[in-house]
Amino acid sequence: MFEEYLKKLEPRLKELDAEIEKVKAKAETSRSEYKEKYQDQIERLRNARERVASELAIMREEGSDRYEEVRKDVERTIDDLKKGVNEIIEKMRKAA
């Protein structure tokens, strides 16, 4: 169960990483007044992504002992990341 979860999670994380990079690239080309604001939000997204990586490292080290607890934290953080990316994209769309 634990290994299966990790296998399913990897493509989701890669997709999130790609979305974050896409938002970052778009922010770099946005108007200067928004650029700094977006960069701060993107930095928060990256920090959240790093938390996911840390949680996964814990999960790998401790195995299935804390699987359910860590899985819930990881899922919650991934949901927050998706929301954050979507919010930034929507703000950029409105500002354009």
PDB file of N, CA and C in Angstrom:
ATOM      1  N   MET A   1       0.818  -1.188   0.000  1.00  0.00           N
ATOM      2  CA  MET A   1       0.000   0.000   0.000  1.00  0.00           C
ATOM      3  C   MET A   1       0.870   1.263   0.000  1.00  0.00           C
ATOM      4  N   PHE A   2       1.867   1.280   0.829  1.00  0.00           N
ATOM      5  CA  PHE A   2       2.775   2.415   0.948  1.00  0.00           C
ATOM      6  C   PHE A   2       3.518   2.677  -0.364  1.00  0.00           C
ATOM      7  N   GLU A   3       4.101   1.633  -0.910  1.00  0.00           N
ATOM      8  CA  GLU A   3       4.852   1.779  -2.169  1.00  0.00           C
ATOM      9  C   GLU A   3       3.939   2.172  -3.319  1.00  0.00           C
ATOM     10  N   GLU A   4       2.726   1.632  -3.334  1.00  0.00           N
ATOM     11  CA  GLU A   4       1.762   1.980  -4.373  1.00  0.00           C
ATOM     12  C   GLU A   4       1.413   3.464  -4.306  1.00  0.00           C
ATOM     13  N   TYR A   5       1.241   3.944  -3.101  1.00  0.00           N
ATOM     14  CA  TYR A   5       0.917   5.362  -2.916  1.00  0.00           C
ATOM     15  C   TYR A   5       2.047   6.236  -3.459  1.00  0.00           C
ATOM     16  N   LEU A   6       3.277   5.885  -3.134  1.00  0.00           N
ATOM     17  CA  LEU A   6       4.418   6.665  -3.620  1.00  0.00           C
ATOM     18  C   LEU A   6       4.475   6.663  -5.141  1.00  0.00           C
ATOM     19  N   LYS A   7       4.200   5.532  -5.754  1.00  0.00           N
ATOM     20  CA  LYS A   7       4.207   5.454  -7.217  1.00  0.00           C
ATOM     21  C   LYS A   7       3.128   6.336  -7.834  1.00  0.00           C
ATOM     22  N   LYS A   8       1.957   6.384  -7.213  1.00  0.00           N
ATOM     23  CA  LYS A   8       0.868   7.216  -7.713  1.00  0.00           C
ATOM     24  C   LYS A   8       1.143   8.701  -7.470  1.00  0.00           C
ATOM     25  N   LEU A   9       1.876   8.979  -6.428  1.00  0.00           N
ATOM     26  CA  LEU A   9       2.141  10.359  -6.051  1.00  0.00           C
ATOM     27  C   LEU A   9       3.171  11.032  -6.950  1.00  0.00           C
ATOM     28  N   GLU A  10       4.146  10.302  -7.413  1.00  0.00           N
ATOM     29  CA  GLU A  10       5.221  10.892  -8.216  1.00  0.00           C
ATOM     30  C   GLU A  10       4.726  11.678  -9.433  1.00  0.00           C
ATOM     31  N   PRO A  11       3.821  11.123 -10.258  1.00  0.00           N
ATOM     32  CA  PRO A  11       3.345  11.904 -11.416  1.00  0.00           C
ATOM     33  C   PRO A  11       2.590  13.176 -10.998  1.00  0.00           C
ATOM     34  N   ARG A  12       1.862  13.094  -9.899  1.00  0.00           N
ATOM     35  CA  ARG A  12       1.143  14.278  -9.408  1.00  0.00           C
ATOM     36  C   ARG A  12       2.120  15.372  -9.003  1.00  0.00           C
ATOM     37  N   LEU A  13       3.199  14.967  -8.347  1.00  0.00           N
ATOM     38  CA  LEU A  13       4.198  15.951  -7.918  1.00  0.00           C
ATOM     39  C   LEU A  13       4.928  16.547  -9.113  1.00  0.00           C
ATOM     40  N   LYS A  14       5.216  15.730 -10.098  1.00  0.00           N
ATOM     41  CA  LYS A  14       5.872  16.247 -11.304  1.00  0.00           C
ATOM     42  C   LYS A  14       4.970  17.246 -12.016  1.00  0.00           C
ATOM     43  N   GLU A  15       3.680  16.956 -12.054  1.00  0.00           N
ATOM     44  CA  GLU A  15       2.718  17.872 -12.668  1.00  0.00           C
ATOM     45  C   GLU A  15       2.673  19.196 -11.899  1.00  0.00           C
ATOM     46  N   LEU A  16       2.670  19.105 -10.575  1.00  0.00           N
ATOM     47  CA  LEU A  16       2.683  20.328  -9.759  1.00  0.00           C
ATOM     48  C   LEU A  16       3.962  21.124  -9.977  1.00  0.00           C
ATOM     49  N   ASP A  17       5.085  20.435 -10.025  1.00  0.00           N
ATOM     50  CA  ASP A  17       6.359  21.116 -10.278  1.00  0.00           C
ATOM     51  C   ASP A  17       6.312  21.857 -11.615  1.00  0.00           C
ATOM     52  N   ALA A  18       5.754  21.211 -12.624  1.00  0.00           N
ATOM     53  CA  ALA A  18       5.649  21.838 -13.945  1.00  0.00           C
ATOM     54  C   ALA A  18       4.729  23.056 -13.891  1.00  0.00           C
ATOM     55  N   GLU A  19       3.639  22.954 -13.160  1.00  0.00           N
ATOM     56  CA  GLU A  19       2.716  24.081 -13.030  1.00  0.00           C
ATOM     57  C   GLU A  19       3.377  25.251 -12.309  1.00  0.00           C
ATOM     58  N   ILE A  20       4.113  24.950 -11.264  1.00  0.00           N
ATOM     59  CA  ILE A  20       4.816  26.009 -10.524  1.00  0.00           C
ATOM     60  C   ILE A  20       5.824  26.700 -11.437  1.00  0.00           C
ATOM     61  N   GLU A  21       6.560  25.926 -12.219  1.00  0.00           N
ATOM     62  CA  GLU A  21       7.539  26.509 -13.145  1.00  0.00           C
ATOM     63  C   GLU A  21       6.848  27.350 -14.218  1.00  0.00           C
ATOM     64  N   LYS A  22       5.700  26.885 -14.686  1.00  0.00           N
ATOM     65  CA  LYS A  22       4.946  27.627 -15.689  1.00  0.00           C
ATOM     66  C   LYS A  22       4.473  28.969 -15.123  1.00  0.00           C
ATOM     67  N   VAL A  23       3.976  28.943 -13.902  1.00  0.00           N
ATOM     68  CA  VAL A  23       3.540  30.173 -13.248  1.00  0.00           C
ATOM     69  C   VAL A  23       4.728  31.102 -13.027  1.00  0.00           C
ATOM     70  N   LYS A  24       5.852  30.532 -12.638  1.00  0.00           N
ATOM     71  CA  LYS A  24       7.057  31.336 -12.423  1.00  0.00           C
ATOM     72  C   LYS A  24       7.470  32.035 -13.714  1.00  0.00           C
ATOM     73  N   ALA A  25       7.485  31.310 -14.802  1.00  0.00           N
ATOM     74  CA  ALA A  25       7.870  31.888 -16.093  1.00  0.00           C
ATOM     75  C   ALA A  25       6.900  32.993 -16.498  1.00  0.00           C
ATOM     76  N   LYS A  26       5.628  32.768 -16.269  1.00  0.00           N
ATOM     77  CA  LYS A  26       4.630  33.775 -16.603  1.00  0.00           C
ATOM     78  C   LYS A  26       4.787  35.007 -15.718  1.00  0.00           C
ATOM     79  N   ALA A  27       5.094  34.798 -14.451  1.00  0.00           N
ATOM     80  CA  ALA A  27       5.286  35.919 -13.525  1.00  0.00           C
ATOM     81  C   ALA A  27       6.474  36.774 -13.939  1.00  0.00           C
ATOM     82  N   GLU A  28       7.509  36.133 -14.433  1.00  0.00           N
ATOM     83  CA  GLU A  28       8.704  36.865 -14.835  1.00  0.00           C
ATOM     84  C   GLU A  28       8.447  37.786 -16.019  1.00  0.00           C
ATOM     85  N   THR A  29       7.416  37.481 -16.784  1.00  0.00           N
ATOM     86  CA  THR A  29       7.100  38.317 -17.937  1.00  0.00           C
ATOM     87  C   THR A  29       5.929  39.262 -17.666  1.00  0.00           C
ATOM     88  N   SER A  30       5.403  39.247 -16.450  1.00  0.00           N
ATOM     89  CA  SER A  30       4.272  40.116 -16.131  1.00  0.00           C
ATOM     90  C   SER A  30       4.768  41.530 -15.808  1.00  0.00           C
ATOM     91  N   ARG A  31       3.819  42.431 -15.694  1.00  0.00           N
ATOM     92  CA  ARG A  31       4.163  43.820 -15.382  1.00  0.00           C
ATOM     93  C   ARG A  31       4.898  43.885 -14.051  1.00  0.00           C
ATOM     94  N   SER A  32       5.793  44.822 -13.944  1.00  0.00           N
ATOM     95  CA  SER A  32       6.659  44.899 -12.769  1.00  0.00           C
ATOM     96  C   SER A  32       5.884  45.048 -11.468  1.00  0.00           C
ATOM     97  N   GLU A  33       4.743  45.719 -11.501  1.00  0.00           N
ATOM     98  CA  GLU A  33       3.971  45.907 -10.276  1.00  0.00           C
ATOM     99  C   GLU A  33       3.433  44.589  -9.726  1.00  0.00           C
ATOM    100  N   TYR A  34       3.214  43.622 -10.609  1.00  0.00           N
ATOM    101  CA  TYR A  34       2.711  42.319 -10.181  1.00  0.00           C
ATOM    102  C   TYR A  34       3.831  41.305  -9.984  1.00  0.00           C
ATOM    103  N   LYS A  35       4.924  41.551 -10.628  1.00  0.00           N
ATOM    104  CA  LYS A  35       6.015  40.586 -10.632  1.00  0.00           C
ATOM    105  C   LYS A  35       6.454  40.208  -9.214  1.00  0.00           C
ATOM    106  N   GLU A  36       6.688  41.194  -8.372  1.00  0.00           N
ATOM    107  CA  GLU A  36       7.153  40.917  -7.017  1.00  0.00           C
ATOM    108  C   GLU A  36       6.090  40.160  -6.217  1.00  0.00           C
ATOM    109  N   LYS A  37       4.843  40.571  -6.376  1.00  0.00           N
ATOM    110  CA  LYS A  37       3.746  39.906  -5.673  1.00  0.00           C
ATOM    111  C   LYS A  37       3.671  38.433  -6.064  1.00  0.00           C
ATOM    112  N   TYR A  38       3.755  38.156  -7.349  1.00  0.00           N
ATOM    113  CA  TYR A  38       3.704  36.779  -7.821  1.00  0.00           C
ATOM    114  C   TYR A  38       4.912  35.987  -7.345  1.00  0.00           C
ATOM    115  N   GLN A  39       6.061  36.627  -7.337  1.00  0.00           N
ATOM    116  CA  GLN A  39       7.266  35.922  -6.908  1.00  0.00           C
ATOM    117  C   GLN A  39       7.153  35.492  -5.446  1.00  0.00           C
ATOM    118  N   ASP A  40       6.561  36.352  -4.612  1.00  0.00           N
ATOM    119  CA  ASP A  40       6.354  35.982  -3.210  1.00  0.00           C
ATOM    120  C   ASP A  40       5.417  34.782  -3.094  1.00  0.00           C
ATOM    121  N   GLN A  41       4.354  34.792  -3.866  1.00  0.00           N
ATOM    122  CA  GLN A  41       3.405  33.685  -3.832  1.00  0.00           C
ATOM    123  C   GLN A  41       4.041  32.405  -4.354  1.00  0.00           C
ATOM    124  N   ILE A  42       4.829  32.529  -5.388  1.00  0.00           N
ATOM    125  CA  ILE A  42       5.514  31.361  -5.951  1.00  0.00           C
ATOM    126  C   ILE A  42       6.506  30.800  -4.940  1.00  0.00           C
ATOM    127  N   GLU A  43       7.178  31.671  -4.224  1.00  0.00           N
ATOM    128  CA  GLU A  43       8.114  31.217  -3.194  1.00  0.00           C
ATOM    129  C   GLU A  43       7.383  30.427  -2.103  1.00  0.00           C
ATOM    130  N   ARG A  44       6.199  30.886  -1.741  1.00  0.00           N
ATOM    131  CA  ARG A  44       5.398  30.144  -0.755  1.00  0.00           C
ATOM    132  C   ARG A  44       5.006  28.768  -1.312  1.00  0.00           C
ATOM    133  N   LEU A  45       4.681  28.720  -2.603  1.00  0.00           N
ATOM    134  CA  LEU A  45       4.355  27.438  -3.221  1.00  0.00           C
ATOM    135  C   LEU A  45       5.560  26.498  -3.197  1.00  0.00           C
ATOM    136  N   ARG A  46       6.714  27.041  -3.503  1.00  0.00           N
ATOM    137  CA  ARG A  46       7.930  26.213  -3.485  1.00  0.00           C
ATOM    138  C   ARG A  46       8.220  25.692  -2.077  1.00  0.00           C
ATOM    139  N   ASN A  47       8.001  26.542  -1.078  1.00  0.00           N
ATOM    140  CA  ASN A  47       8.206  26.105   0.307  1.00  0.00           C
ATOM    141  C   ASN A  47       7.247  24.972   0.661  1.00  0.00           C
ATOM    142  N   ALA A  48       6.002  25.102   0.223  1.00  0.00           N
ATOM    143  CA  ALA A  48       5.026  24.038   0.473  1.00  0.00           C
ATOM    144  C   ALA A  48       5.445  22.760  -0.241  1.00  0.00           C
ATOM    145  N   ARG A  49       5.963  22.902  -1.449  1.00  0.00           N
ATOM    146  CA  ARG A  49       6.422  21.733  -2.206  1.00  0.00           C
ATOM    147  C   ARG A  49       7.588  21.062  -1.489  1.00  0.00           C
ATOM    148  N   GLU A  50       8.444  21.859  -0.896  1.00  0.00           N
ATOM    149  CA  GLU A  50       9.565  21.304  -0.133  1.00  0.00           C
ATOM    150  C   GLU A  50       9.062  20.556   1.103  1.00  0.00           C
ATOM    151  N   ARG A  51       7.983  21.062   1.709  1.00  0.00           N
ATOM    152  CA  ARG A  51       7.387  20.352   2.853  1.00  0.00           C
ATOM    153  C   ARG A  51       6.882  18.974   2.420  1.00  0.00           C
ATOM    154  N   VAL A  52       6.297  18.911   1.233  1.00  0.00           N
ATOM    155  CA  VAL A  52       5.830  17.619   0.718  1.00  0.00           C
ATOM    156  C   VAL A  52       7.019  16.674   0.571  1.00  0.00           C
ATOM    157  N   ALA A  53       8.101  17.182   0.014  1.00  0.00           N
ATOM    158  CA  ALA A  53       9.301  16.347  -0.149  1.00  0.00           C
ATOM    159  C   ALA A  53       9.813  15.859   1.203  1.00  0.00           C
ATOM    160  N   SER A  54       9.782  16.731   2.197  1.00  0.00           N
ATOM    161  CA  SER A  54      10.225  16.349   3.545  1.00  0.00           C
ATOM    162  C   SER A  54       9.324  15.277   4.138  1.00  0.00           C
ATOM    163  N   GLU A  55       8.021  15.456   3.975  1.00  0.00           N
ATOM    164  CA  GLU A  55       7.080  14.461   4.483  1.00  0.00           C
ATOM    165  C   GLU A  55       7.290  13.116   3.798  1.00  0.00           C
ATOM    166  N   LEU A  56       7.541  13.151   2.509  1.00  0.00           N
ATOM    167  CA  LEU A  56       7.785  11.904   1.788  1.00  0.00           C
ATOM    168  C   LEU A  56       9.070  11.238   2.253  1.00  0.00           C
ATOM    169  N   ALA A  57      10.071  12.039   2.553  1.00  0.00           N
ATOM    170  CA  ALA A  57      11.325  11.477   3.067  1.00  0.00           C
ATOM    171  C   ALA A  57      11.071  10.788   4.408  1.00  0.00           C
ATOM    172  N   ILE A  58      10.263  11.423   5.241  1.00  0.00           N
ATOM    173  CA  ILE A  58       9.908  10.799   6.526  1.00  0.00           C
ATOM    174  C   ILE A  58       9.173   9.494   6.276  1.00  0.00           C
ATOM    175  N   MET A  59       8.255   9.530   5.324  1.00  0.00           N
ATOM    176  CA  MET A  59       7.467   8.342   5.021  1.00  0.00           C
ATOM    177  C   MET A  59       8.373   7.209   4.544  1.00  0.00           C
ATOM    178  N   ARG A  60       9.348   7.547   3.721  1.00  0.00           N
ATOM    179  CA  ARG A  60      10.258   6.510   3.216  1.00  0.00           C
ATOM    180  C   ARG A  60      11.119   5.938   4.337  1.00  0.00           C
ATOM    181  N   GLU A  61      11.574   6.824   5.242  1.00  0.00           N
ATOM    182  CA  GLU A  61      12.418   6.379   6.351  1.00  0.00           C
ATOM    183  C   GLU A  61      11.654   5.515   7.341  1.00  0.00           C
ATOM    184  N   GLU A  62      10.465   5.964   7.685  1.00  0.00           N
ATOM    185  CA  GLU A  62       9.715   5.278   8.725  1.00  0.00           C
ATOM    186  C   GLU A  62       8.795   4.202   8.176  1.00  0.00           C
ATOM    187  N   GLY A  63       8.717   4.133   6.859  1.00  0.00           N
ATOM    188  CA  GLY A  63       7.885   3.109   6.250  1.00  0.00           C
ATOM    189  C   GLY A  63       6.417   3.309   6.562  1.00  0.00           C
ATOM    190  N   SER A  64       5.727   2.239   6.681  1.00  0.00           N
ATOM    191  CA  SER A  64       4.283   2.306   6.838  1.00  0.00           C
ATOM    192  C   SER A  64       3.838   2.626   8.262  1.00  0.00           C
ATOM    193  N   ASP A  65       4.768   2.761   9.185  1.00  0.00           N
ATOM    194  CA  ASP A  65       4.393   3.042  10.572  1.00  0.00           C
ATOM    195  C   ASP A  65       3.571   4.322  10.689  1.00  0.00           C
ATOM    196  N   ARG A  66       3.971   5.341   9.997  1.00  0.00           N
ATOM    197  CA  ARG A  66       3.263   6.625  10.043  1.00  0.00           C
ATOM    198  C   ARG A  66       2.584   6.929   8.709  1.00  0.00           C
ATOM    199  N   TYR A  67       2.370   5.915   7.928  1.00  0.00           N
ATOM    200  CA  TYR A  67       1.845   6.094   6.577  1.00  0.00           C
ATOM    201  C   TYR A  67       0.584   6.948   6.544  1.00  0.00           C
ATOM    202  N   GLU A  68      -0.402   6.572   7.298  1.00  0.00           N
ATOM    203  CA  GLU A  68      -1.698   7.262   7.217  1.00  0.00           C
ATOM    204  C   GLU A  68      -1.588   8.722   7.658  1.00  0.00           C
ATOM    205  N   GLU A  69      -0.868   8.959   8.717  1.00  0.00           N
ATOM    206  CA  GLU A  69      -0.687  10.328   9.220  1.00  0.00           C
ATOM    207  C   GLU A  69       0.043  11.200   8.195  1.00  0.00           C
ATOM    208  N   VAL A  70       1.131  10.697   7.681  1.00  0.00           N
ATOM    209  CA  VAL A  70       1.925  11.455   6.712  1.00  0.00           C
ATOM    210  C   VAL A  70       1.160  11.606   5.403  1.00  0.00           C
ATOM    211  N   ARG A  71       0.445  10.572   4.987  1.00  0.00           N
ATOM    212  CA  ARG A  71      -0.337  10.636   3.754  1.00  0.00           C
ATOM    213  C   ARG A  71      -1.355  11.770   3.822  1.00  0.00           C
ATOM    214  N   LYS A  72      -2.026  11.897   4.950  1.00  0.00           N
ATOM    215  CA  LYS A  72      -3.014  12.972   5.107  1.00  0.00           C
ATOM    216  C   LYS A  72      -2.352  14.341   5.003  1.00  0.00           C
ATOM    217  N   ASP A  73      -1.205  14.497   5.642  1.00  0.00           N
ATOM    218  CA  ASP A  73      -0.472  15.767   5.561  1.00  0.00           C
ATOM    219  C   ASP A  73      -0.049  16.068   4.130  1.00  0.00           C
ATOM    220  N   VAL A  74       0.464  15.058   3.445  1.00  0.00           N
ATOM    221  CA  VAL A  74       0.912  15.226   2.062  1.00  0.00           C
ATOM    222  C   VAL A  74      -0.270  15.594   1.168  1.00  0.00           C
ATOM    223  N   GLU A  75      -1.376  14.891   1.297  1.00  0.00           N
ATOM    224  CA  GLU A  75      -2.554  15.179   0.474  1.00  0.00           C
ATOM    225  C   GLU A  75      -3.071  16.595   0.724  1.00  0.00           C
ATOM    226  N   ARG A  76      -3.109  17.006   1.968  1.00  0.00           N
ATOM    227  CA  ARG A  76      -3.564  18.349   2.317  1.00  0.00           C
ATOM    228  C   ARG A  76      -2.638  19.404   1.701  1.00  0.00           C
ATOM    229  N   THR A  77      -1.348  19.171   1.787  1.00  0.00           N
ATOM    230  CA  THR A  77      -0.391  20.122   1.230  1.00  0.00           C
ATOM    231  C   THR A  77      -0.489  20.168  -0.289  1.00  0.00           C
ATOM    232  N   ILE A  78      -0.663  19.025  -0.933  1.00  0.00           N
ATOM    233  CA  ILE A  78      -0.817  18.992  -2.385  1.00  0.00           C
ATOM    234  C   ILE A  78      -2.072  19.756  -2.795  1.00  0.00           C
ATOM    235  N   ASP A  79      -3.161  19.557  -2.068  1.00  0.00           N
ATOM    236  CA  ASP A  79      -4.387  20.309  -2.365  1.00  0.00           C
ATOM    237  C   ASP A  79      -4.152  21.808  -2.231  1.00  0.00           C
ATOM    238  N   ASP A  80      -3.434  22.194  -1.173  1.00  0.00           N
ATOM    239  CA  ASP A  80      -3.118  23.611  -0.979  1.00  0.00           C
ATOM    240  C   ASP A  80      -2.248  24.141  -2.119  1.00  0.00           C
ATOM    241  N   LEU A  81      -1.302  23.335  -2.565  1.00  0.00           N
ATOM    242  CA  LEU A  81      -0.447  23.730  -3.684  1.00  0.00           C
ATOM    243  C   LEU A  81      -1.264  23.950  -4.951  1.00  0.00           C
ATOM    244  N   LYS A  82      -2.157  23.023  -5.239  1.00  0.00           N
ATOM    245  CA  LYS A  82      -2.998  23.156  -6.429  1.00  0.00           C
ATOM    246  C   LYS A  82      -3.832  24.423  -6.357  1.00  0.00           C
ATOM    247  N   LYS A  83      -4.426  24.672  -5.197  1.00  0.00           N
ATOM    248  CA  LYS A  83      -5.232  25.881  -5.020  1.00  0.00           C
ATOM    249  C   LYS A  83      -4.376  27.125  -5.218  1.00  0.00           C
ATOM    250  N   GLY A  84      -3.181  27.106  -4.647  1.00  0.00           N
ATOM    251  CA  GLY A  84      -2.280  28.246  -4.775  1.00  0.00           C
ATOM    252  C   GLY A  84      -1.897  28.528  -6.211  1.00  0.00           C
ATOM    253  N   VAL A  85      -1.560  27.479  -6.939  1.00  0.00           N
ATOM    254  CA  VAL A  85      -1.204  27.636  -8.348  1.00  0.00           C
ATOM    255  C   VAL A  85      -2.393  28.199  -9.123  1.00  0.00           C
ATOM    256  N   ASN A  86      -3.566  27.637  -8.895  1.00  0.00           N
ATOM    257  CA  ASN A  86      -4.761  28.094  -9.602  1.00  0.00           C
ATOM    258  C   ASN A  86      -5.103  29.537  -9.266  1.00  0.00           C
ATOM    259  N   GLU A  87      -4.916  29.930  -8.006  1.00  0.00           N
ATOM    260  CA  GLU A  87      -5.177  31.316  -7.609  1.00  0.00           C
ATOM    261  C   GLU A  87      -4.239  32.278  -8.320  1.00  0.00           C
ATOM    262  N   ILE A  88      -2.972  31.926  -8.385  1.00  0.00           N
ATOM    263  CA  ILE A  88      -2.007  32.796  -9.062  1.00  0.00           C
ATOM    264  C   ILE A  88      -2.351  32.895 -10.541  1.00  0.00           C
ATOM    265  N   ILE A  89      -2.680  31.771 -11.159  1.00  0.00           N
ATOM    266  CA  ILE A  89      -3.036  31.792 -12.587  1.00  0.00           C
ATOM    267  C   ILE A  89      -4.241  32.683 -12.812  1.00  0.00           C
ATOM    268  N   GLU A  90      -5.236  32.571 -11.947  1.00  0.00           N
ATOM    269  CA  GLU A  90      -6.443  33.396 -12.099  1.00  0.00           C
ATOM    270  C   GLU A  90      -6.122  34.876 -11.912  1.00  0.00           C
ATOM    271  N   LYS A  91      -5.302  35.211 -10.939  1.00  0.00           N
ATOM    272  CA  LYS A  91      -4.917  36.614 -10.727  1.00  0.00           C
ATOM    273  C   LYS A  91      -4.154  37.154 -11.919  1.00  0.00           C
ATOM    274  N   MET A  92      -3.273  36.339 -12.482  1.00  0.00           N
ATOM    275  CA  MET A  92      -2.519  36.760 -13.660  1.00  0.00           C
ATOM    276  C   MET A  92      -3.458  36.986 -14.843  1.00  0.00           C
ATOM    277  N   ARG A  93      -4.415  36.105 -14.975  1.00  0.00           N
ATOM    278  CA  ARG A  93      -5.376  36.223 -16.076  1.00  0.00           C
ATOM    279  C   ARG A  93      -6.159  37.517 -15.953  1.00  0.00           C
ATOM    280  N   LYS A  94      -6.589  37.848 -14.758  1.00  0.00           N
ATOM    281  CA  LYS A  94      -7.361  39.076 -14.532  1.00  0.00           C
ATOM    282  C   LYS A  94      -6.507  40.319 -14.720  1.00  0.00           C
ATOM    283  N   ALA A  95      -5.234  40.228 -14.371  1.00  0.00           N
ATOM    284  CA  ALA A  95      -4.344  41.385 -14.470  1.00  0.00           C
ATOM    285  C   ALA A  95      -3.897  41.649 -15.896  1.00  0.00           C
ATOM    286  N   ALA A  96      -4.006  40.656 -16.748  1.00  0.00           N
ATOM    287  CA  ALA A  96      -3.516  40.786 -18.119  1.00  0.00           C
ATOM    288  C   ALA A  96      -4.394  41.699 -18.970  1.00  0.00           C
TER     289      ALA A  96
END
